[in-house]
Protein backbone atom coordinates (compact mmCIF):
# COMPACT_ATOMS: atom_id res chain seq x y z
CA UNK A 1 28.61 2.63 15.87
CA UNK A 2 24.86 2.77 16.57
CA UNK A 3 23.84 0.73 19.59
CA UNK A 4 21.37 -2.01 18.68
CA UNK A 5 18.34 -3.04 20.70
CA UNK A 6 18.18 -6.67 21.92
CA UNK A 7 15.36 -7.36 19.43
CA UNK A 8 17.34 -5.97 16.49
CA UNK A 9 20.35 -8.09 17.47
CA UNK A 10 18.18 -11.19 17.39
CA UNK A 11 16.37 -10.20 14.19
CA UNK A 12 19.68 -9.76 12.37
CA UNK A 13 20.30 -13.46 13.00
CA UNK A 14 16.99 -14.59 11.44
CA UNK A 15 17.40 -16.55 8.20
CA UNK A 16 14.37 -15.96 5.97
CA UNK A 17 12.75 -18.95 4.33
CA UNK A 18 12.67 -19.42 0.54
CA UNK A 19 10.47 -21.30 -1.92
CA UNK A 20 11.93 -24.72 -2.66
CA UNK A 21 12.59 -23.74 -6.29
CA UNK A 22 14.96 -20.95 -5.21
CA UNK A 23 16.83 -22.76 -2.44
CA UNK A 24 19.69 -23.96 -4.70
CA UNK A 25 20.20 -20.56 -6.32
CA UNK A 26 19.30 -19.16 -9.73
CA UNK A 27 21.93 -21.19 -11.58
CA UNK A 28 19.86 -24.33 -10.99
CA UNK A 29 16.58 -23.00 -12.35
CA UNK A 30 14.49 -23.72 -15.40
CA UNK A 31 12.05 -21.15 -16.77
CA UNK A 32 8.50 -22.31 -17.49
CA UNK A 33 6.38 -20.00 -19.66
CA UNK A 34 2.64 -19.63 -19.15
CA UNK A 35 0.16 -18.15 -21.58
CA UNK A 36 0.40 -14.75 -23.23
CA UNK A 37 -1.15 -11.87 -21.30
CA UNK A 38 -3.08 -8.68 -21.94
CA UNK A 39 -3.82 -5.60 -19.85
CA UNK A 40 -6.81 -5.61 -17.51
CA UNK A 41 -8.50 -2.91 -19.59
CA UNK A 42 -7.89 -0.57 -22.53
CA UNK A 43 -5.92 -3.27 -24.37
CA UNK A 44 -5.41 -1.38 -27.64
CA UNK A 45 -4.16 1.80 -25.98
CA UNK A 46 -1.82 -0.07 -23.62
CA UNK A 47 -0.49 -2.24 -26.45
CA UNK A 48 0.26 0.84 -28.55
CA UNK A 49 2.11 2.52 -25.68
CA UNK A 50 4.11 -0.61 -24.79
CA UNK A 51 4.71 -2.08 -28.23
CA UNK A 52 7.96 -3.78 -27.16
CA UNK A 53 6.92 -5.23 -23.79
CA UNK A 54 3.19 -5.92 -24.12
CA UNK A 55 1.63 -9.39 -24.22
CA UNK A 56 4.53 -11.33 -22.72
CA UNK A 57 3.71 -14.60 -20.91
CA UNK A 58 3.63 -15.22 -17.18
CA UNK A 59 6.58 -17.32 -15.99
CA UNK A 60 7.39 -19.66 -13.12
CA UNK A 61 10.62 -21.34 -12.05
CA UNK A 62 11.41 -24.93 -11.22
CA UNK A 63 14.62 -26.57 -10.08
CA UNK A 64 16.72 -28.56 -12.53
CA UNK A 65 19.36 -31.17 -11.81
CA UNK A 66 21.94 -29.32 -13.90
CA UNK A 67 23.69 -26.11 -12.94
CA UNK A 68 24.67 -23.37 -15.37
CA UNK A 69 27.35 -20.72 -15.04
CA UNK A 70 26.33 -17.10 -14.66
CA UNK A 71 27.87 -14.19 -16.50
CA UNK A 72 28.95 -11.17 -14.46
CA UNK A 73 26.08 -8.72 -13.95
CA UNK A 74 25.87 -5.36 -12.24
CA UNK A 75 22.41 -4.52 -10.93
CA UNK A 76 20.92 -1.31 -9.55
CA UNK A 77 18.07 -1.16 -7.03
CA UNK A 78 15.63 1.64 -6.17
CA UNK A 79 13.24 2.03 -3.25
CA UNK A 80 10.32 4.13 -4.48
CA UNK A 81 7.31 5.70 -2.79
CA UNK A 82 6.17 5.32 0.80
CA UNK A 83 7.90 2.96 3.20
CA UNK A 84 6.66 -0.58 3.82
CA UNK A 85 7.99 -3.17 6.29
CA UNK A 86 10.33 -5.64 4.61
CA UNK A 87 11.95 -3.42 2.00
CA UNK A 88 15.41 -4.11 3.43
CA UNK A 89 14.85 -7.84 2.99
CA UNK A 90 13.98 -7.42 -0.69
CA UNK A 91 17.38 -5.84 -1.17
CA UNK A 92 19.05 -8.51 1.00
CA UNK A 93 17.41 -11.28 -1.03
CA UNK A 94 18.44 -9.63 -4.30
CA UNK A 95 22.01 -9.25 -3.03
CA UNK A 96 22.28 -12.86 -1.83
CA UNK A 97 20.81 -14.21 -5.06
CA UNK A 98 23.15 -12.12 -7.16
CA UNK A 99 26.25 -13.04 -5.17
CA UNK A 100 25.29 -16.71 -5.05
CA UNK A 101 25.03 -16.75 -8.85
CA UNK A 102 28.45 -15.13 -9.30
CA UNK A 103 30.54 -13.53 -6.50
CA UNK A 104 31.81 -11.00 -9.05
CA UNK A 105 28.32 -9.55 -9.48
CA UNK A 106 27.73 -6.10 -7.99
CA UNK A 107 24.64 -4.48 -6.52
CA UNK A 108 24.30 -0.70 -6.46
CA UNK A 109 21.66 1.08 -4.41
CA UNK A 110 20.41 4.39 -5.80
CA UNK A 111 19.95 6.95 -3.04
CA UNK A 112 16.75 8.82 -2.30
CA UNK A 113 14.44 6.94 -4.63
CA UNK A 114 14.21 7.28 -8.43
CA UNK A 115 16.03 10.62 -8.32
CA UNK A 116 19.18 8.63 -7.43
CA UNK A 117 19.34 6.92 -10.82
CA UNK A 118 18.74 10.24 -12.57
CA UNK A 119 21.37 12.14 -10.59
CA UNK A 120 23.89 9.30 -10.29
CA UNK A 121 23.77 9.12 -6.49
CA UNK A 122 24.45 5.59 -5.30
CA UNK A 123 26.26 3.21 -2.98
CA UNK A 124 27.77 -0.18 -3.72
CA UNK A 125 26.64 -2.87 -1.31
CA UNK A 126 28.94 -5.34 0.39
CA UNK A 127 28.34 -8.01 3.02
CA UNK A 128 28.91 -5.72 5.98
CA UNK A 129 26.55 -3.07 4.60
CA UNK A 130 23.73 -5.53 3.86
CA UNK A 131 24.12 -7.51 7.07
CA UNK A 132 23.37 -4.44 9.19
CA UNK A 133 19.85 -4.16 7.72
CA UNK A 134 18.57 -7.73 7.45
CA UNK A 135 15.05 -8.29 8.82
CA UNK A 136 14.72 -4.67 9.97
CA UNK A 137 12.02 -2.15 9.15
CA UNK A 138 12.28 1.09 7.22
CA UNK A 139 13.85 2.15 3.95
CA UNK A 140 16.82 3.91 5.51
CA UNK A 141 19.34 1.57 3.85
CA UNK A 142 19.25 3.86 0.77
CA UNK A 143 16.20 6.05 1.37
CA UNK A 144 13.16 6.43 -0.82
CA UNK A 145 11.51 9.15 -2.89
CA UNK A 146 8.57 9.92 -5.13
CA UNK A 147 10.28 11.28 -8.24
CA UNK A 148 8.46 9.94 -11.29
CA UNK A 149 10.37 8.30 -14.12
CA UNK A 150 8.40 9.32 -17.18
CA UNK A 151 10.20 11.91 -19.33
CA UNK A 152 12.69 11.49 -22.15
CA UNK A 153 15.26 13.54 -20.24
CA UNK A 154 14.93 11.34 -17.15
CA UNK A 155 15.28 8.18 -19.21
CA UNK A 156 18.37 9.51 -20.96
CA UNK A 157 20.01 10.46 -17.66
CA UNK A 158 19.12 7.07 -16.15
CA UNK A 159 20.70 5.32 -19.13
CA UNK A 160 23.90 7.37 -18.83
CA UNK A 161 24.22 6.56 -15.11
CA UNK A 162 23.63 2.84 -15.72
CA UNK A 163 26.18 2.75 -18.52
CA UNK A 164 28.78 4.49 -16.35
CA UNK A 165 28.38 1.75 -13.70
CA UNK A 166 28.08 -1.14 -16.13
CA UNK A 167 24.56 -1.83 -14.86
CA UNK A 168 22.55 -4.20 -17.06
CA UNK A 169 19.41 -4.45 -14.88
CA UNK A 170 17.44 -2.23 -12.51
CA UNK A 171 15.05 -3.44 -9.80
CA UNK A 172 12.37 -0.95 -8.72
CA UNK A 173 10.72 -1.72 -5.39
CA UNK A 174 7.44 0.15 -5.21
CA UNK A 175 3.66 0.34 -5.42
CA UNK A 176 1.34 0.77 -8.38
CA UNK A 177 2.68 4.16 -9.47
CA UNK A 178 6.31 3.16 -8.98
CA UNK A 179 5.81 -0.01 -10.98
CA UNK A 180 4.03 1.98 -13.69
CA UNK A 181 7.28 3.95 -13.89
CA UNK A 182 9.16 0.65 -14.05
CA UNK A 183 7.02 -0.41 -17.02
CA UNK A 184 7.65 2.90 -18.80
CA UNK A 185 11.40 2.65 -18.17
CA UNK A 186 11.52 -0.97 -19.34
CA UNK A 187 9.69 -0.07 -22.57
CA UNK A 188 12.02 2.88 -23.23
CA UNK A 189 15.16 0.80 -22.66
CA UNK A 190 13.96 -1.89 -25.10
CA UNK A 191 12.83 0.66 -27.67
CA UNK A 192 16.25 2.33 -27.56
CA UNK A 193 18.28 -0.92 -27.52
CA UNK A 194 19.81 0.07 -24.19
CA UNK A 195 20.46 -3.51 -23.08
CA UNK A 196 19.14 -2.78 -19.58
CA UNK A 197 16.40 -4.87 -17.97
CA UNK A 198 13.83 -3.55 -15.47
CA UNK A 199 12.14 -5.70 -12.83
CA UNK A 200 9.56 -4.52 -10.29
CA UNK A 201 8.71 -5.76 -6.78
CA UNK A 202 5.17 -5.29 -5.36
CA UNK A 203 5.28 -2.96 -2.36
CA UNK A 204 2.49 -1.09 -0.56
CA UNK A 205 0.96 -1.40 2.87
CA UNK A 206 -2.35 -0.35 1.28
CA UNK A 207 -2.80 -3.86 -0.15
CA UNK A 208 -4.17 -2.54 -3.46
CA UNK A 209 -1.42 -3.94 -5.70
CA UNK A 210 -2.57 -7.50 -6.25
CA UNK A 211 -4.22 -10.03 -8.56
CA UNK A 212 -4.22 -13.81 -8.93
CA UNK A 213 -0.45 -13.84 -9.49
CA UNK A 214 0.37 -11.17 -6.89
CA UNK A 215 -1.53 -12.42 -3.86
CA UNK A 216 -0.40 -9.64 -1.52
CA UNK A 217 1.87 -6.62 -1.63
CA UNK A 218 4.67 -6.70 0.89
CA UNK A 219 4.30 -4.68 4.07
CA UNK A 220 0.53 -5.20 4.29
CA UNK A 221 0.95 -8.10 6.72
CA UNK A 222 3.16 -6.20 9.17
CA UNK A 223 1.34 -2.88 8.91
CA UNK A 224 -2.11 -4.35 9.54
CA UNK A 225 -0.83 -6.38 12.48
CA UNK A 226 0.74 -3.22 13.90
CA UNK A 227 -2.49 -1.25 13.54
CA UNK A 228 -4.52 -4.15 14.93
CA UNK A 229 -2.31 -4.20 18.03
CA UNK A 230 -2.93 -0.47 18.56
CA UNK A 231 -6.69 -0.81 18.01
CA UNK A 232 -6.76 -3.77 20.40
CA UNK A 233 -4.99 -1.68 23.02
CA UNK A 234 -7.51 1.13 22.59
CA UNK A 235 -10.43 -1.32 22.74
CA UNK A 236 -9.13 -2.65 26.04
CA UNK A 237 -8.86 0.89 27.34
CA UNK A 238 -12.37 1.75 26.13
CA UNK A 239 -13.76 -1.38 27.73
CA UNK A 240 -12.00 -0.45 30.97
CA UNK A 241 -12.92 3.25 31.21
CA UNK A 242 -16.31 2.83 29.49
CA UNK A 243 -16.63 6.54 28.72
CA UNK A 244 -15.05 7.29 25.32
CA UNK A 245 -15.90 6.72 21.70
CA UNK A 246 -12.66 6.29 19.75
CA UNK A 247 -12.69 7.28 16.06
CA UNK A 248 -9.69 5.64 14.40
CA UNK A 249 -8.68 6.60 10.88
CA UNK A 250 -6.34 4.11 9.22
CA UNK A 251 -3.97 4.63 6.29
CA UNK A 252 -5.12 3.50 2.86
CA UNK A 253 -6.18 6.18 0.42
CA UNK A 254 -7.83 4.47 -2.52
CA UNK A 255 -8.68 1.08 -1.07
CA UNK A 256 -9.99 0.01 2.35
CA UNK A 257 -8.02 -3.24 2.61
CA UNK A 258 -6.03 -2.03 5.63
CA UNK A 259 -9.08 -0.86 7.56
CA UNK A 260 -10.96 -4.04 6.67
CA UNK A 261 -8.12 -6.35 7.74
CA UNK A 262 -7.52 -4.44 10.98
CA UNK A 263 -11.25 -4.62 11.74
CA UNK A 264 -11.37 -8.37 11.15
CA UNK A 265 -8.44 -8.79 13.54
CA UNK A 266 -10.04 -6.66 16.29
CA UNK A 267 -13.85 -6.65 15.73
CA UNK A 268 -14.71 -3.00 16.53
CA UNK A 269 -18.26 -1.67 16.87
CA UNK A 270 -18.30 0.31 13.61
CA UNK A 271 -16.25 -0.21 10.46
CA UNK A 272 -16.74 2.00 7.42
CA UNK A 273 -15.59 0.69 4.04
CA UNK A 274 -15.07 3.29 1.32
CA UNK A 275 -15.98 0.97 -1.55
CA UNK A 276 -19.30 0.13 0.14
CA UNK A 277 -20.07 3.81 0.69
CA UNK A 278 -19.49 4.49 -2.99
CA UNK A 279 -21.46 1.46 -4.21
CA UNK A 280 -24.47 2.33 -2.03
CA UNK A 281 -24.13 6.04 -2.93
CA UNK A 282 -24.19 6.88 0.76
CA UNK A 283 -24.25 10.60 1.48
CA UNK A 284 -22.31 12.18 4.32
CA UNK A 285 -25.64 12.63 6.12
CA UNK A 286 -26.53 8.94 5.76
CA UNK A 287 -23.14 7.91 7.17
CA UNK A 288 -23.73 10.20 10.15
CA UNK A 289 -27.20 8.69 10.64
CA UNK A 290 -25.79 5.14 10.50
CA UNK A 291 -23.07 5.84 13.07
CA UNK A 292 -25.35 7.91 15.30
CA UNK A 293 -27.95 5.14 15.36
CA UNK A 294 -25.38 2.67 16.72
CA UNK A 295 -24.12 5.19 19.28
CA UNK A 296 -27.67 5.87 20.51
CA UNK A 297 -28.60 2.17 20.73
CA UNK A 298 -25.42 1.35 22.66
CA UNK A 299 -26.13 4.24 25.00
CA UNK A 300 -29.62 2.85 25.66
CA UNK A 301 -27.86 -0.33 26.80
CA UNK A 302 -25.68 1.67 29.17
CA UNK A 303 -22.66 1.71 26.83
CA UNK A 304 -21.47 5.25 26.19
CA UNK A 305 -18.29 4.01 24.57
CA UNK A 306 -17.15 2.22 21.45
CA UNK A 307 -14.69 1.95 18.59
CA UNK A 308 -15.15 3.18 15.01
CA UNK A 309 -12.63 2.32 12.29
CA UNK A 310 -12.50 4.68 9.30
CA UNK A 311 -10.46 4.25 6.11
CA UNK A 312 -8.23 7.18 5.22
CA UNK A 313 -9.74 7.68 1.77
CA UNK A 314 -13.39 7.60 2.88
CA UNK A 315 -14.14 11.23 2.07
CA UNK A 316 -13.41 10.76 -1.65
CA UNK A 317 -15.81 7.81 -1.90
CA UNK A 318 -18.83 9.73 -0.57
CA UNK A 319 -20.49 10.65 -3.89
CA UNK A 320 -21.12 14.34 -3.24
CA UNK A 321 -17.69 14.71 -1.62
CA UNK A 322 -15.95 12.81 -4.41
CA UNK A 323 -17.60 14.99 -7.04
CA UNK A 324 -16.62 18.14 -5.17
CA UNK A 325 -13.02 16.98 -4.65
CA UNK A 326 -12.64 16.02 -8.33
CA UNK A 327 -13.90 19.47 -9.33
CA UNK A 328 -11.62 21.03 -6.71
CA UNK A 329 -8.56 19.13 -7.99
CA UNK A 330 -9.16 20.53 -11.47
CA UNK A 331 -9.48 24.16 -10.38
CA UNK A 332 -6.61 23.94 -7.89
CA UNK A 333 -4.24 23.05 -10.75
CA UNK A 334 -4.39 26.73 -11.79
CA UNK A 335 -5.09 28.33 -8.41
CA UNK A 336 -1.93 26.86 -6.85
CA UNK A 337 0.17 29.14 -9.06
CA UNK A 338 -2.14 32.17 -8.82
CA UNK A 339 -0.42 34.66 -6.48
CA UNK A 340 -3.69 36.46 -5.68
CA UNK A 341 -5.10 33.17 -4.40
CA UNK A 342 -1.93 32.03 -2.64
CA UNK A 343 -1.69 35.32 -0.70
CA UNK A 344 -5.40 35.54 0.12
CA UNK A 345 -6.81 35.02 3.61
CA UNK A 346 -8.53 31.76 4.49
CA UNK A 347 -12.03 33.17 4.10
CA UNK A 348 -11.08 34.82 0.81
CA UNK A 349 -9.76 31.48 -0.46
CA UNK A 350 -13.02 29.80 0.51
CA UNK A 351 -14.99 32.42 -1.47
CA UNK A 352 -12.73 32.12 -4.53
CA UNK A 353 -13.02 28.34 -4.54
CA UNK A 354 -16.80 28.41 -4.10
CA UNK A 355 -17.11 30.85 -7.02
CA UNK A 356 -15.19 28.48 -9.30
CA UNK A 357 -16.83 25.20 -8.25
CA UNK A 358 -20.05 24.06 -9.90
CA UNK A 359 -23.15 25.16 -7.98
CA UNK A 360 -23.78 21.73 -6.40
CA UNK A 361 -20.12 21.24 -5.47
CA UNK A 362 -19.95 24.78 -4.08
CA UNK A 363 -22.87 23.97 -1.74
CA UNK A 364 -21.07 20.87 -0.46
CA UNK A 365 -17.83 22.77 0.10
CA UNK A 366 -19.59 25.64 1.86
CA UNK A 367 -21.35 23.22 4.24
CA UNK A 368 -18.07 21.90 5.67
CA UNK A 369 -16.33 23.13 8.84
CA UNK A 370 -13.55 25.68 8.24
CA UNK A 371 -10.93 23.15 9.39
CA UNK A 372 -11.92 20.67 6.66
CA UNK A 373 -12.24 23.39 3.99
CA UNK A 374 -8.69 24.51 4.78
CA UNK A 375 -7.33 20.96 4.65
CA UNK A 376 -8.96 20.42 1.25
CA UNK A 377 -6.89 23.33 -0.10
CA UNK A 378 -3.55 21.99 1.15
CA UNK A 379 -0.71 21.16 -1.25
CA UNK A 380 -1.66 18.48 -3.76
CA UNK A 381 0.04 15.09 -4.05
CA UNK A 382 2.35 14.25 -7.02
CA UNK A 383 -0.73 13.36 -9.12
CA UNK A 384 -2.41 16.72 -8.52
CA UNK A 385 -4.95 15.25 -6.09
CA UNK A 386 -5.94 16.33 -2.59
CA UNK A 387 -3.83 14.68 0.10
CA UNK A 388 -6.54 12.78 1.95
CA UNK A 389 -4.20 11.85 4.80
CA UNK A 390 -4.23 15.54 5.75
CA UNK A 391 -8.01 15.68 5.89
CA UNK A 392 -9.10 14.87 9.43
CA UNK A 393 -12.16 12.85 8.42
CA UNK A 394 -12.37 11.37 11.89
CA UNK A 395 -12.79 14.87 13.38
CA UNK A 396 -15.35 15.80 10.74
CA UNK A 397 -17.43 12.75 11.71
CA UNK A 398 -17.08 13.49 15.43
CA UNK A 399 -18.23 17.09 14.95
CA UNK A 400 -21.23 16.15 12.80
CA UNK A 401 -22.26 13.28 15.09
CA UNK A 402 -22.00 15.59 18.11
CA UNK A 403 -24.36 18.05 16.41
CA UNK A 404 -26.78 15.25 15.52
CA UNK A 405 -26.76 13.90 19.08
CA UNK A 406 -27.42 17.40 20.44
CA UNK A 407 -30.48 17.61 18.17
CA UNK A 408 -31.70 14.21 19.37
CA UNK A 409 -31.15 15.22 22.99
CA UNK A 410 -33.18 18.39 22.45
CA UNK A 411 -35.96 16.23 20.99
CA UNK A 412 -35.83 13.90 23.98
CA UNK A 413 -34.59 10.96 21.87
CA UNK A 414 -31.14 10.65 23.43
CA UNK A 415 -30.03 10.92 27.04
CA UNK A 416 -26.56 9.45 26.90
CA UNK A 417 -23.10 10.98 27.06
CA UNK A 418 -20.85 11.32 24.02
CA UNK A 419 -17.17 11.99 24.53
CA UNK A 420 -14.91 11.23 21.56
CA UNK A 421 -11.21 10.72 20.96
CA UNK A 422 -9.66 10.83 17.49
CA UNK A 423 -6.67 8.87 16.19
CA UNK A 424 -4.87 8.45 12.88
CA UNK A 425 -2.73 5.35 12.42
CA UNK A 426 -0.49 5.64 9.40
CA UNK A 427 3.21 6.20 9.84
CA UNK A 428 3.19 3.92 12.88
CA UNK A 429 2.93 0.89 10.60
CA UNK A 430 5.17 1.78 7.66
CA UNK A 431 8.58 1.04 9.17
CA UNK A 432 7.82 -1.58 11.80
CA UNK A 433 10.05 -4.62 12.23
CA UNK A 434 8.69 -6.93 9.50
CA UNK A 435 6.72 -9.94 10.65
CA UNK A 436 8.20 -13.35 9.90
CA UNK A 437 5.81 -13.54 6.95
CA UNK A 438 6.99 -10.24 5.48
CA UNK A 439 10.63 -11.05 6.25
CA UNK A 440 10.31 -14.34 4.31
CA UNK A 441 8.10 -12.96 1.53
CA UNK A 442 10.29 -9.92 0.89
CA UNK A 443 13.50 -11.92 0.89
CA UNK A 444 11.90 -14.31 -1.61
CA UNK A 445 10.72 -11.44 -3.82
CA UNK A 446 14.24 -10.01 -3.98
CA UNK A 447 15.87 -13.39 -4.54
CA UNK A 448 13.32 -14.11 -7.26
CA UNK A 449 13.90 -10.72 -8.91
CA UNK A 450 17.45 -11.74 -9.78
CA UNK A 451 16.15 -15.04 -11.16
CA UNK A 452 14.02 -13.01 -13.58
CA UNK A 453 17.07 -10.95 -14.48
CA UNK A 454 19.20 -14.04 -15.04
CA UNK A 455 16.74 -15.25 -17.68
CA UNK A 456 16.89 -11.96 -19.56
CA UNK A 457 13.36 -10.80 -18.72
CA UNK A 458 12.34 -7.15 -18.57
CA UNK A 459 9.14 -5.30 -17.75
CA UNK A 460 8.21 -8.02 -15.24
CA UNK A 461 6.98 -7.93 -11.65
CA UNK A 462 8.49 -10.40 -9.20
CA UNK A 463 5.75 -12.85 -8.17
CA UNK A 464 5.78 -15.28 -5.25
CA UNK A 465 2.46 -16.99 -4.59
CA UNK A 466 0.73 -19.91 -2.82
CA UNK A 467 1.44 -17.84 0.27
CA UNK A 468 -0.92 -19.52 2.70
CA UNK A 469 1.21 -22.64 2.51
CA UNK A 470 4.63 -23.16 4.17
CA UNK A 471 7.35 -21.10 2.48
CA UNK A 472 9.03 -24.04 0.77
CA UNK A 473 5.75 -24.60 -1.12
CA UNK A 474 5.60 -21.03 -2.41
CA UNK A 475 5.68 -20.64 -6.21
CA UNK A 476 8.26 -18.23 -7.63
CA UNK A 477 7.92 -16.52 -10.99
CA UNK A 478 6.93 -13.27 -12.64
CA UNK A 479 4.19 -11.45 -14.52
CA UNK A 480 4.42 -8.70 -17.17
CA UNK A 481 3.79 -5.27 -15.67
CA UNK A 482 1.56 -4.38 -18.62
CA UNK A 483 -0.83 -7.15 -17.53
CA UNK A 484 -1.97 -4.97 -14.59
CA UNK A 485 -2.41 -1.71 -16.50
CA UNK A 486 -5.26 0.46 -17.70
CA UNK A 487 -5.75 4.10 -18.74
CA UNK A 488 -6.67 6.67 -16.08
CA UNK A 489 -6.92 10.45 -15.91
CA UNK A 490 -3.90 12.08 -14.26
CA UNK A 491 -3.29 15.84 -14.25
CA UNK A 492 -6.10 16.18 -16.76
CA UNK A 493 -4.59 13.66 -19.22
CA UNK A 494 -5.25 9.98 -19.85
CA UNK A 495 -2.17 8.00 -18.86
CA UNK A 496 -1.26 4.30 -18.49
CA UNK A 497 -1.20 3.21 -14.84
CA UNK A 498 -1.38 -0.03 -12.91
CA UNK A 499 -4.99 -0.55 -11.85
CA UNK A 500 -5.60 -0.44 -8.11
CA UNK A 501 -7.27 -3.50 -6.60
CA UNK A 502 -10.17 -2.27 -4.45
CA UNK A 503 -12.16 -4.18 -1.84
CA UNK A 504 -14.57 -6.58 -3.57
CA UNK A 505 -17.97 -6.23 -1.96
CA UNK A 506 -18.96 -9.67 -3.24
CA UNK A 507 -15.73 -11.24 -1.98
CA UNK A 508 -15.18 -13.39 1.13
CA UNK A 509 -13.24 -10.74 3.08
CA UNK A 510 -15.94 -8.09 3.04
CA UNK A 511 -18.60 -10.78 3.59
CA UNK A 512 -16.81 -11.76 6.81
CA UNK A 513 -17.32 -8.21 8.08
CA UNK A 514 -20.85 -7.96 6.73
CA UNK A 515 -21.97 -11.18 8.42
CA UNK A 516 -20.76 -10.01 11.84
CA UNK A 517 -21.30 -6.27 11.70
CA UNK A 518 -24.59 -6.11 13.60
CA UNK A 519 -23.33 -8.39 16.37
CA UNK A 520 -20.07 -6.47 16.75
CA UNK A 521 -21.95 -3.14 16.83
CA UNK A 522 -24.01 -3.95 19.90
CA UNK A 523 -21.97 -6.62 21.66
CA UNK A 524 -18.38 -6.09 22.65
CA UNK A 525 -16.65 -8.88 20.74
CA UNK A 526 -13.31 -7.08 20.91
CA UNK A 527 -10.21 -9.07 20.03
CA UNK A 528 -6.80 -8.08 21.38
CA UNK A 529 -4.14 -9.32 18.91
CA UNK A 530 -1.18 -8.08 20.92
CA UNK A 531 2.27 -7.37 19.49
CA UNK A 532 3.74 -9.14 16.46
CA UNK A 533 5.53 -12.30 17.61
CA UNK A 534 8.87 -13.28 16.09
CA UNK A 535 9.83 -16.25 18.27
CA UNK A 536 7.71 -19.20 19.24
CA UNK A 537 5.30 -21.65 17.58
CA UNK A 538 4.65 -21.26 13.86
CA UNK A 539 0.91 -21.01 14.57
CA UNK A 540 1.61 -17.66 16.23
CA UNK A 541 4.72 -16.37 14.46
CA UNK A 542 4.07 -17.29 10.83
CA UNK A 543 0.32 -16.67 10.64
CA UNK A 544 -0.80 -14.65 7.61
CA UNK A 545 -3.51 -12.01 7.39
CA UNK A 546 -7.19 -12.91 7.52
CA UNK A 547 -7.55 -11.21 4.12
CA UNK A 548 -5.00 -13.49 2.47
CA UNK A 549 -6.44 -16.60 4.07
CA UNK A 550 -10.00 -15.81 2.99
CA UNK A 551 -8.99 -14.77 -0.53
CA UNK A 552 -7.03 -17.99 -0.95
CA UNK A 553 -10.01 -20.08 0.15
CA UNK A 554 -8.90 -20.91 3.67
CA UNK A 555 -11.66 -21.73 6.15
CA UNK A 556 -11.42 -19.70 9.35
CA UNK A 557 -12.90 -20.52 12.69
CA UNK A 558 -16.36 -19.07 13.30
CA UNK A 559 -16.46 -15.80 15.22
């Protein structure tokens, strides 16, 4: 048996909190329907593609004095996409809810992500199995994967596996793409009278799966607190040694929520926000000028050190870079299978790519360091796009700033010292022990998912909101997955996908950064959040993210 750490032993004992409406189990619930819904955009196209599941109402649950009996149900669960802290608790909550409703109910976990339901690879959970994973990080309970559920063959195989196990409902725990797959599977099951429900749960540390009904995706709280601890540690080191500039890239491809939240928790000298860069049409050169200006001014004050926080997806939001990468994604679709390109040398590949890019995009590509040009040609992600996590944007910025400072020094406009360290915080936050907030929220999402199943709903996303209040005041319910969808170009074709929620530049979270940016740049207002706390006063252990508090209208203390 694997030896457990003292912290894991204690965390296994933690009993997550539930919304009041769920505390007596799903057999004592009443369903309350809200108004009918529509997709966020492209309503006619989405409605046509989801004729059987489109336009359903939002729902919430409330406790009733009566208690109903529950028929026997077998449920399957899938972990899909990248890891996020709290995934184990979603499954634990689903299991407890299911067993509380009827001890004869069974929960099957499909192994290795969506491929498990296609290939019929699964485990059946029991108390001993589940109890070993409560309140722990990771997805290792059944593993995850990125197989997409979108073809007729995959749907047919999934149906056959479910029928063989007597499964009448599937819960897919994932992000926007995974829940798009859940919507497609739900629609197919209804269209083909399969009698199998599909419920999604909102997972992603990126924080870009949210709306008024989904206030936060699980894992965001723990991941940002983990990154903030690391940034705080580095800030303390920088303020001690006073000789390094630290360039810290933080996970979050399409949206900058993670970088923004981590910055608000730590108050670094420079924070770049991808959405702002795109909105202001900032060129790579203008970003370098902005950062260099702060570095020079701090040096004039005797401070040859500092902290810069950079979102992972920044490079795609710089207009000329985004245009070049989009063009590159299109041509790489054919070049990836071209043996003459695959077997070419690095310089030959650069020449081939430049010859196929448009003239403006070719100039941009040619201007980049060889390291970055090579990384841009790496294997694409499942959507056919460049894998931005493999592009060392932080090193690109360091190299270009170093060149700019050398020019300024030659012109007699800079006399300081510039020594830089680069960091990328990504995987460090994905499987951390979930915070008390994520432990509670995830358990509630899973418990609530079975409530949605028990009322016969399909194509819904588990929703638990009012999250800045104590857990017993949280509101449990669900929203139709189609409500969050729009049409986007994927692999050269327009496809239905859940719309990503990007940082709102007119929202209170970005404004918090904007209002303090100049002060933080020149004055060292570093905050040191320290490690996530699991035991102690609620004011320390149960605190939510600054992002969630500001978005929900909470007033924070002045900086």
